[in-house]
Amino acid sequence: MRLGELAGKEIININDGARLGVVGETDLSIDAETGQIQSIVLPRKMGFMNFWAEKQELVIPWEAVRKVGVEVIIVELDQATPSFGKFLA
């Protein structure tokens, strides 16, 4: 599969059915030597009240991807323990 084929696919968590984001509004972490995707990095949506707060991102390890379909990417994440980090924009 080519990287361009992932663009526009919605990312859905199989555990709770939550829409996490859309590829194209995300970043991909790619191993420079092998070219393999390591993770999908989603910026967390911030409300107006959090405008000045530090932005966060949700990192989805590629191992959490269960299925890449025609329109969606199904991931398996335990939302009780999401992996957040600083957004480096």
C-alpha atoms as a PDB file:
ATOM      1  CA  MET A   1       0.000   0.000   0.000  1.00  0.00           C
ATOM      2  CA  ARG A   2       1.229   3.486  -0.842  1.00  0.00           C
ATOM      3  CA  LEU A   3       1.222   6.320   1.640  1.00  0.00           C
ATOM      4  CA  GLY A   4      -1.158   8.317  -0.563  1.00  0.00           C
ATOM      5  CA  GLU A   5      -3.730   5.527  -0.318  1.00  0.00           C
ATOM      6  CA  LEU A   6      -4.052   6.184   3.440  1.00  0.00           C
ATOM      7  CA  ALA A   7      -5.040   9.832   2.924  1.00  0.00           C
ATOM      8  CA  GLY A   8      -8.646  10.604   3.790  1.00  0.00           C
ATOM      9  CA  LYS A   9      -9.260   7.397   5.734  1.00  0.00           C
ATOM     10  CA  GLU A  10     -10.983   7.887   9.080  1.00  0.00           C
ATOM     11  CA  ILE A  11      -9.377   6.274  12.134  1.00  0.00           C
ATOM     12  CA  ILE A  12     -11.843   4.376  14.357  1.00  0.00           C
ATOM     13  CA  ASN A  13     -11.154   2.709  17.719  1.00  0.00           C
ATOM     14  CA  ILE A  14     -12.687  -0.771  17.744  1.00  0.00           C
ATOM     15  CA  ASN A  15     -12.999  -0.785  21.565  1.00  0.00           C
ATOM     16  CA  ASP A  16     -15.458   2.104  21.843  1.00  0.00           C
ATOM     17  CA  GLY A  17     -16.294   3.077  18.252  1.00  0.00           C
ATOM     18  CA  ALA A  18     -14.746   6.519  18.753  1.00  0.00           C
ATOM     19  CA  ARG A  19     -13.700   8.536  15.723  1.00  0.00           C
ATOM     20  CA  LEU A  20     -10.113   9.524  16.427  1.00  0.00           C
ATOM     21  CA  GLY A  21      -9.284  11.524  13.322  1.00  0.00           C
ATOM     22  CA  VAL A  22      -8.586  11.397   9.620  1.00  0.00           C
ATOM     23  CA  VAL A  23      -5.301  10.543   7.937  1.00  0.00           C
ATOM     24  CA  GLY A  24      -4.245  13.780   6.324  1.00  0.00           C
ATOM     25  CA  GLU A  25      -4.922  15.700   9.520  1.00  0.00           C
ATOM     26  CA  THR A  26      -2.297  13.500  11.174  1.00  0.00           C
ATOM     27  CA  ASP A  27       1.404  12.801  11.051  1.00  0.00           C
ATOM     28  CA  LEU A  28       3.004   9.443  10.460  1.00  0.00           C
ATOM     29  CA  SER A  29       6.184   8.361  12.206  1.00  0.00           C
ATOM     30  CA  ILE A  30       8.227   6.395   9.667  1.00  0.00           C
ATOM     31  CA  ASP A  31      11.448   4.448  10.166  1.00  0.00           C
ATOM     32  CA  ALA A  32      13.945   6.201   7.875  1.00  0.00           C
ATOM     33  CA  GLU A  33      15.942   3.039   7.207  1.00  0.00           C
ATOM     34  CA  THR A  34      13.137   0.564   6.490  1.00  0.00           C
ATOM     35  CA  GLY A  35      10.378   2.939   5.333  1.00  0.00           C
ATOM     36  CA  GLN A  36       7.879   1.201   7.626  1.00  0.00           C
ATOM     37  CA  ILE A  37       5.252   3.159   9.523  1.00  0.00           C
ATOM     38  CA  GLN A  38       5.946   3.155  13.274  1.00  0.00           C
ATOM     39  CA  SER A  39       2.950   5.156  14.493  1.00  0.00           C
ATOM     40  CA  ILE A  40       0.124   7.505  13.602  1.00  0.00           C
ATOM     41  CA  VAL A  41       0.269  10.837  15.451  1.00  0.00           C
ATOM     42  CA  LEU A  42      -3.053  12.634  15.947  1.00  0.00           C
ATOM     43  CA  PRO A  43      -3.199  16.193  17.256  1.00  0.00           C
ATOM     44  CA  ARG A  44      -5.785  16.376  20.044  1.00  0.00           C
ATOM     45  CA  LYS A  45      -8.700  18.691  19.329  1.00  0.00           C
ATOM     46  CA  MET A  46      -8.572  21.665  21.628  1.00  0.00           C
ATOM     47  CA  GLY A  47     -11.521  23.866  22.549  1.00  0.00           C
ATOM     48  CA  PHE A  48     -11.457  27.637  22.687  1.00  0.00           C
ATOM     49  CA  MET A  49     -10.845  27.593  26.447  1.00  0.00           C
ATOM     50  CA  ASN A  50      -7.688  25.519  25.919  1.00  0.00           C
ATOM     51  CA  PHE A  51      -6.303  27.845  23.237  1.00  0.00           C
ATOM     52  CA  TRP A  52      -3.253  28.834  25.307  1.00  0.00           C
ATOM     53  CA  ALA A  53      -2.783  25.440  26.911  1.00  0.00           C
ATOM     54  CA  GLU A  54      -0.008  23.155  25.744  1.00  0.00           C
ATOM     55  CA  LYS A  55      -1.150  21.174  22.721  1.00  0.00           C
ATOM     56  CA  GLN A  56      -1.174  17.391  23.006  1.00  0.00           C
ATOM     57  CA  GLU A  57      -1.057  14.547  20.522  1.00  0.00           C
ATOM     58  CA  LEU A  58      -2.313  10.974  20.586  1.00  0.00           C
ATOM     59  CA  VAL A  59       0.273   8.455  19.397  1.00  0.00           C
ATOM     60  CA  ILE A  60      -1.178   5.261  17.912  1.00  0.00           C
ATOM     61  CA  PRO A  61       1.462   2.539  17.506  1.00  0.00           C
ATOM     62  CA  TRP A  62       1.244   0.809  14.123  1.00  0.00           C
ATOM     63  CA  GLU A  63       0.883  -2.480  16.025  1.00  0.00           C
ATOM     64  CA  ALA A  64      -2.541  -1.203  17.216  1.00  0.00           C
ATOM     65  CA  VAL A  65      -3.828  -1.069  13.615  1.00  0.00           C
ATOM     66  CA  ARG A  66      -6.139  -4.044  13.069  1.00  0.00           C
ATOM     67  CA  LYS A  67      -7.524  -3.364   9.585  1.00  0.00           C
ATOM     68  CA  VAL A  68      -7.054  -0.854   6.790  1.00  0.00           C
ATOM     69  CA  GLY A  69     -10.296  -0.717   4.842  1.00  0.00           C
ATOM     70  CA  VAL A  70     -11.478   1.251   1.834  1.00  0.00           C
ATOM     71  CA  GLU A  71     -12.737   4.175   3.951  1.00  0.00           C
ATOM     72  CA  VAL A  72     -11.519   3.556   7.509  1.00  0.00           C
ATOM     73  CA  ILE A  73      -8.564   2.360   9.537  1.00  0.00           C
ATOM     74  CA  ILE A  74      -9.600   0.244  12.530  1.00  0.00           C
ATOM     75  CA  VAL A  75      -7.312   0.485  15.560  1.00  0.00           C
ATOM     76  CA  GLU A  76      -7.478  -1.196  18.959  1.00  0.00           C
ATOM     77  CA  LEU A  77      -6.716   1.274  21.735  1.00  0.00           C
ATOM     78  CA  ASP A  78      -7.523   1.153  25.411  1.00  0.00           C
ATOM     79  CA  GLN A  79      -8.719   4.752  25.849  1.00  0.00           C
ATOM     80  CA  ALA A  80      -8.325   4.421  29.615  1.00  0.00           C
ATOM     81  CA  THR A  81      -4.572   4.639  29.068  1.00  0.00           C
ATOM     82  CA  PRO A  82      -3.970   6.666  25.875  1.00  0.00           C
ATOM     83  CA  SER A  83      -0.428   7.683  25.004  1.00  0.00           C
ATOM     84  CA  PHE A  84      -0.227  11.480  24.990  1.00  0.00           C
ATOM     85  CA  GLY A  85       2.799  13.600  24.243  1.00  0.00           C
ATOM     86  CA  LYS A  86       3.663  17.185  23.451  1.00  0.00           C
ATOM     87  CA  PHE A  87       2.627  18.391  20.009  1.00  0.00           C
ATOM     88  CA  LEU A  88       5.733  19.537  18.168  1.00  0.00           C
ATOM     89  CA  ALA A  89       4.194  21.863  15.581  1.00  0.00           C
END
